[in-house]
C-alpha atoms as a PDB file:
ATOM      1  CA  MET A   1     132.220 -42.673  91.882  1.00  0.00           C
ATOM      2  CA  ASN A   2     128.744 -41.218  92.274  1.00  0.00           C
ATOM      3  CA  VAL A   3     125.732 -42.918  93.846  1.00  0.00           C
ATOM      4  CA  LYS A   4     124.026 -43.822  90.565  1.00  0.00           C
ATOM      5  CA  THR A   5     127.196 -45.426  89.233  1.00  0.00           C
ATOM      6  CA  SER A   6     127.663 -47.374  92.468  1.00  0.00           C
ATOM      7  CA  ILE A   7     124.096 -48.663  92.427  1.00  0.00           C
ATOM      8  CA  ALA A   8     124.333 -49.587  88.760  1.00  0.00           C
ATOM      9  CA  ALA A   9     127.595 -51.469  89.295  1.00  0.00           C
ATOM     10  CA  LEU A  10     126.283 -53.385  92.296  1.00  0.00           C
ATOM     11  CA  SER A  11     123.000 -54.139  90.540  1.00  0.00           C
ATOM     12  CA  LEU A  12     124.811 -55.611  87.568  1.00  0.00           C
ATOM     13  CA  LEU A  13     127.079 -57.613  89.799  1.00  0.00           C
ATOM     14  CA  SER A  14     124.143 -58.838  91.865  1.00  0.00           C
ATOM     15  CA  MET A  15     122.852 -60.654  88.804  1.00  0.00           C
ATOM     16  CA  LEU A  16     126.020 -62.730  88.621  1.00  0.00           C
ATOM     17  CA  SER A  17     125.938 -66.086  90.322  1.00  0.00           C
ATOM     18  CA  PHE A  18     128.705 -66.840  92.791  1.00  0.00           C
ATOM     19  CA  GLY A  19     129.057 -70.640  92.876  1.00  0.00           C
ATOM     20  CA  ALA A  20     130.794 -70.620  96.254  1.00  0.00           C
ATOM     21  CA  PHE A  21     127.630 -69.360  97.967  1.00  0.00           C
ATOM     22  CA  ALA A  22     124.277 -71.067  98.389  1.00  0.00           C
ATOM     23  CA  ALA A  23     122.370 -67.774  98.123  1.00  0.00           C
ATOM     24  CA  ASP A  24     121.911 -66.604  94.524  1.00  0.00           C
ATOM     25  CA  ALA A  25     121.713 -63.003  93.403  1.00  0.00           C
ATOM     26  CA  VAL A  26     118.387 -62.140  91.761  1.00  0.00           C
ATOM     27  CA  ASN A  27     116.951 -59.072  90.062  1.00  0.00           C
ATOM     28  CA  ALA A  28     113.693 -57.299  90.947  1.00  0.00           C
ATOM     29  CA  GLU A  29     111.660 -59.287  88.423  1.00  0.00           C
ATOM     30  CA  GLN A  30     112.911 -62.630  89.753  1.00  0.00           C
ATOM     31  CA  ALA A  31     112.263 -61.532  93.351  1.00  0.00           C
ATOM     32  CA  GLN A  32     108.558 -60.859  92.687  1.00  0.00           C
ATOM     33  CA  ASN A  33     107.722 -64.542  93.132  1.00  0.00           C
ATOM     34  CA  MET A  34     109.808 -64.978  96.279  1.00  0.00           C
ATOM     35  CA  GLN A  35     109.058 -64.373  99.953  1.00  0.00           C
ATOM     36  CA  SER A  36     111.140 -61.703 101.666  1.00  0.00           C
ATOM     37  CA  VAL A  37     112.781 -62.839 104.916  1.00  0.00           C
ATOM     38  CA  GLY A  38     114.717 -59.716 105.927  1.00  0.00           C
ATOM     39  CA  THR A  39     117.779 -57.724 104.964  1.00  0.00           C
ATOM     40  CA  VAL A  40     121.540 -57.707 105.438  1.00  0.00           C
ATOM     41  CA  SER A  41     124.017 -54.906 104.898  1.00  0.00           C
ATOM     42  CA  VAL A  42     127.726 -54.207 104.743  1.00  0.00           C
ATOM     43  CA  SER A  43     129.252 -50.869 105.721  1.00  0.00           C
ATOM     44  CA  GLY A  44     132.643 -49.238 105.833  1.00  0.00           C
ATOM     45  CA  VAL A  45     133.943 -51.403 103.033  1.00  0.00           C
ATOM     46  CA  SER A  46     136.806 -50.109 100.907  1.00  0.00           C
ATOM     47  CA  ALA A  47     136.723 -52.806  98.257  1.00  0.00           C
ATOM     48  CA  SER A  48     135.526 -53.413  94.734  1.00  0.00           C
ATOM     49  CA  PRO A  49     131.803 -53.819  93.983  1.00  0.00           C
ATOM     50  CA  MET A  50     132.454 -57.530  93.359  1.00  0.00           C
ATOM     51  CA  ASP A  51     133.941 -57.908  96.863  1.00  0.00           C
ATOM     52  CA  ILE A  52     130.996 -56.085  98.388  1.00  0.00           C
ATOM     53  CA  ASN A  53     128.576 -58.332  96.525  1.00  0.00           C
ATOM     54  CA  ALA A  54     130.485 -61.391  97.770  1.00  0.00           C
ATOM     55  CA  GLN A  55     130.155 -60.132 101.359  1.00  0.00           C
ATOM     56  CA  LEU A  56     126.408 -59.668 100.903  1.00  0.00           C
ATOM     57  CA  ALA A  57     126.164 -63.191  99.481  1.00  0.00           C
ATOM     58  CA  GLN A  58     128.026 -64.615 102.484  1.00  0.00           C
ATOM     59  CA  LYS A  59     125.695 -62.831 104.902  1.00  0.00           C
ATOM     60  CA  ALA A  60     122.631 -63.997 102.970  1.00  0.00           C
ATOM     61  CA  ASP A  61     123.924 -67.563 103.088  1.00  0.00           C
ATOM     62  CA  ALA A  62     124.588 -67.298 106.835  1.00  0.00           C
ATOM     63  CA  GLN A  63     120.952 -66.219 107.334  1.00  0.00           C
ATOM     64  CA  GLY A  64     119.728 -69.257 105.375  1.00  0.00           C
ATOM     65  CA  ALA A  65     118.427 -67.247 102.430  1.00  0.00           C
ATOM     66  CA  LYS A  66     118.120 -68.885  99.026  1.00  0.00           C
ATOM     67  CA  ALA A  67     118.484 -65.562  97.197  1.00  0.00           C
ATOM     68  CA  TYR A  68     119.245 -61.877  97.733  1.00  0.00           C
ATOM     69  CA  ARG A  69     118.802 -58.617  95.829  1.00  0.00           C
ATOM     70  CA  VAL A  70     120.826 -55.419  96.275  1.00  0.00           C
ATOM     71  CA  VAL A  71     118.339 -52.687  97.195  1.00  0.00           C
ATOM     72  CA  GLU A  72     120.679 -49.910  98.316  1.00  0.00           C
ATOM     73  CA  ALA A  73     124.269 -48.987  97.590  1.00  0.00           C
ATOM     74  CA  TYR A  74     126.265 -45.814  98.012  1.00  0.00           C
ATOM     75  CA  MET A  75     129.766 -44.547  98.541  1.00  0.00           C
ATOM     76  CA  ASN A  76     130.628 -41.884 101.079  1.00  0.00           C
ATOM     77  CA  GLY A  77     134.345 -42.528 101.479  1.00  0.00           C
ATOM     78  CA  ASN A  78     133.598 -46.237 101.847  1.00  0.00           C
ATOM     79  CA  TYR A  79     130.865 -48.382 100.350  1.00  0.00           C
ATOM     80  CA  HIS A  80     127.596 -49.249 102.068  1.00  0.00           C
ATOM     81  CA  ALA A  81     125.189 -51.762 100.543  1.00  0.00           C
ATOM     82  CA  THR A  82     121.955 -53.410 101.668  1.00  0.00           C
ATOM     83  CA  ALA A  83     120.355 -56.532 100.227  1.00  0.00           C
ATOM     84  CA  GLU A  84     116.889 -57.970 100.703  1.00  0.00           C
ATOM     85  CA  LEU A  85     116.843 -61.701 101.461  1.00  0.00           C
ATOM     86  CA  TYR A  86     114.423 -64.245  99.978  1.00  0.00           C
ATOM     87  CA  LYS A  87     113.485 -67.841 100.531  1.00  0.00           C
END
């Protein structure tokens, strides 16, 4: 899977809401009215994009964020993804 496909897949999945997590995935437009409070990332993950997104959501929730947005994703043997956190 190439980088553009990985980013597109994670971006689409980031717009899905995962009810088990307090932090909601948002898109760039929704994030414009929110205050950034940092970033989280996952690396070395050999899982589906949905699993990676769930891990980002868990980390965002652990940091007390109300929302997160995937800002970077790539695959170089394993996935790496970074999300910006918002309150």
